[in-house]
Protein backbone atom coordinates (compact mmCIF):
# COMPACT_ATOMS: atom_id res chain seq x y z
CA UNK A 1 -38.51 16.62 41.49
CA UNK A 2 -35.93 15.65 39.04
CA UNK A 3 -31.79 16.62 39.33
CA UNK A 4 -29.12 15.89 36.88
CA UNK A 5 -25.84 16.70 37.75
CA UNK A 6 -22.62 17.03 35.47
CA UNK A 7 -18.94 17.00 36.63
CA UNK A 8 -15.58 15.97 34.48
CA UNK A 9 -15.47 19.40 33.00
CA UNK A 10 -12.22 21.30 33.39
CA UNK A 11 -8.76 22.28 31.12
CA UNK A 12 -7.35 20.30 28.57
CA UNK A 13 -4.73 20.81 26.10
CA UNK A 14 -5.94 20.19 22.53
CA UNK A 15 -5.22 16.62 21.83
CA UNK A 16 -6.35 15.45 25.37
CA UNK A 17 -9.38 13.54 27.00
CA UNK A 18 -12.07 14.30 29.14
CA UNK A 19 -14.63 12.27 30.31
CA UNK A 20 -18.01 13.85 31.43
CA UNK A 21 -20.55 12.43 34.16
CA UNK A 22 -24.21 12.95 34.73
CA UNK A 23 -26.47 11.24 37.16
CA UNK A 24 -30.28 11.73 37.76
CA UNK A 25 -31.76 11.83 41.54
CA UNK A 26 -34.92 12.54 42.66
CA UNK A 27 -38.21 10.92 41.60
CA UNK A 28 -37.15 9.21 38.66
CA UNK A 29 -38.56 5.95 37.67
CA UNK A 30 -37.74 5.80 33.97
CA UNK A 31 -35.56 7.67 31.84
CA UNK A 32 -36.02 7.78 27.82
CA UNK A 33 -33.80 9.53 26.23
CA UNK A 34 -30.40 10.74 27.55
CA UNK A 35 -28.47 13.46 25.35
CA UNK A 36 -25.26 15.89 26.03
CA UNK A 37 -25.43 19.78 24.78
CA UNK A 38 -23.01 22.60 24.40
CA UNK A 39 -23.21 26.32 24.48
CA UNK A 40 -20.10 27.74 23.31
CA UNK A 41 -20.08 31.84 23.55
CA UNK A 42 -21.93 34.04 21.17
CA UNK A 43 -23.27 30.83 19.72
CA UNK A 44 -26.75 28.90 19.99
CA UNK A 45 -27.00 25.46 22.11
CA UNK A 46 -26.18 22.77 19.94
CA UNK A 47 -26.91 18.62 20.39
CA UNK A 48 -23.81 17.15 20.58
CA UNK A 49 -25.10 13.33 21.61
CA UNK A 50 -27.86 11.32 21.99
CA UNK A 51 -28.54 7.89 23.41
CA UNK A 52 -31.78 6.03 23.54
CA UNK A 53 -33.13 3.67 26.24
CA UNK A 54 -32.07 0.99 23.69
CA UNK A 55 -28.98 2.23 22.97
CA UNK A 56 -28.92 3.51 19.90
CA UNK A 57 -26.88 6.71 19.53
CA UNK A 58 -26.48 9.89 17.24
CA UNK A 59 -23.65 12.45 16.94
CA UNK A 60 -23.10 15.52 15.79
CA UNK A 61 -20.91 15.90 12.74
CA UNK A 62 -18.39 17.60 14.00
CA UNK A 63 -17.39 15.00 16.93
CA UNK A 64 -18.14 11.55 15.06
CA UNK A 65 -15.72 9.19 15.51
CA UNK A 66 -14.18 11.47 18.80
CA UNK A 67 -16.81 11.36 21.12
CA UNK A 68 -18.90 8.54 22.64
CA UNK A 69 -21.94 8.39 24.38
CA UNK A 70 -23.07 5.93 26.68
CA UNK A 71 -25.34 5.03 29.79
CA UNK A 72 -26.01 2.70 32.82
CA UNK A 73 -29.36 2.91 33.56
CA UNK A 74 -29.01 0.88 36.84
CA UNK A 75 -27.20 4.26 37.87
CA UNK A 76 -29.68 6.99 36.11
CA UNK A 77 -26.29 8.03 34.79
CA UNK A 78 -25.07 9.12 31.29
CA UNK A 79 -21.36 9.81 30.14
CA UNK A 80 -19.66 11.68 27.52
CA UNK A 81 -16.16 10.28 26.45
CA UNK A 82 -14.41 13.41 24.73
CA UNK A 83 -11.11 12.43 22.88
CA UNK A 84 -8.72 14.02 20.62
CA UNK A 85 -10.30 17.68 21.91
CA UNK A 86 -9.73 20.89 19.61
CA UNK A 87 -10.46 24.59 20.59
CA UNK A 88 -13.44 24.70 19.08
CA UNK A 89 -14.81 21.93 21.60
CA UNK A 90 -15.07 24.81 24.67
CA UNK A 91 -18.19 25.40 25.92
CA UNK A 92 -20.43 25.04 28.58
CA UNK A 93 -22.20 21.13 28.63
CA UNK A 94 -25.22 20.56 29.49
CA UNK A 95 -26.92 17.06 30.48
CA UNK A 96 -30.57 16.30 29.28
CA UNK A 97 -32.99 13.81 30.24
CA UNK A 98 -36.37 12.43 29.46
CA UNK A 99 -37.67 11.24 32.69
CA UNK A 100 -40.90 9.45 34.10
CA UNK A 101 -41.75 10.63 37.45
CA UNK A 102 -45.33 8.50 37.35
CA UNK A 103 -47.36 10.99 35.61
CA UNK A 104 -45.60 11.60 32.22
CA UNK A 105 -42.07 12.04 30.46
CA UNK A 106 -40.85 15.29 31.37
CA UNK A 107 -37.40 17.26 30.17
CA UNK A 108 -34.81 18.10 32.91
CA UNK A 109 -31.27 20.12 32.04
CA UNK A 110 -28.29 19.62 34.87
CA UNK A 111 -26.57 23.17 35.56
CA UNK A 112 -23.81 22.82 33.12
CA UNK A 113 -20.28 22.24 33.33
CA UNK A 114 -17.65 24.43 31.74
CA UNK A 115 -14.84 22.46 28.99
CA UNK A 116 -12.25 24.47 28.14
CA UNK A 117 -9.54 23.24 25.21
CA UNK A 118 -6.48 25.40 25.42
CA UNK A 119 -2.72 25.10 24.98
């Protein structure tokens, strides 16, 4: 089994910054893509950022230039640096990993961490 544990969420004022972390544990041999999604109340879950095993990145248009995704393969971790936060960034943020446990790649999700941007 693979567990993803997120941390770093919280309450921040508009214009502020937060750094989310997600660490994988359990029977992880390798991780392919890692992503951050978010879901605001009453809205569908949306992809925020993606990073491949080769460190290629993609971002949602709404966060380009403000958010940066990175990973540390040795620590089996992915991070999301969020700057210039806006109230519209308020959501539960979920970590995703495509992980190899010895048989095949499977999709794994974290439990989510709340980010609230408000004055």
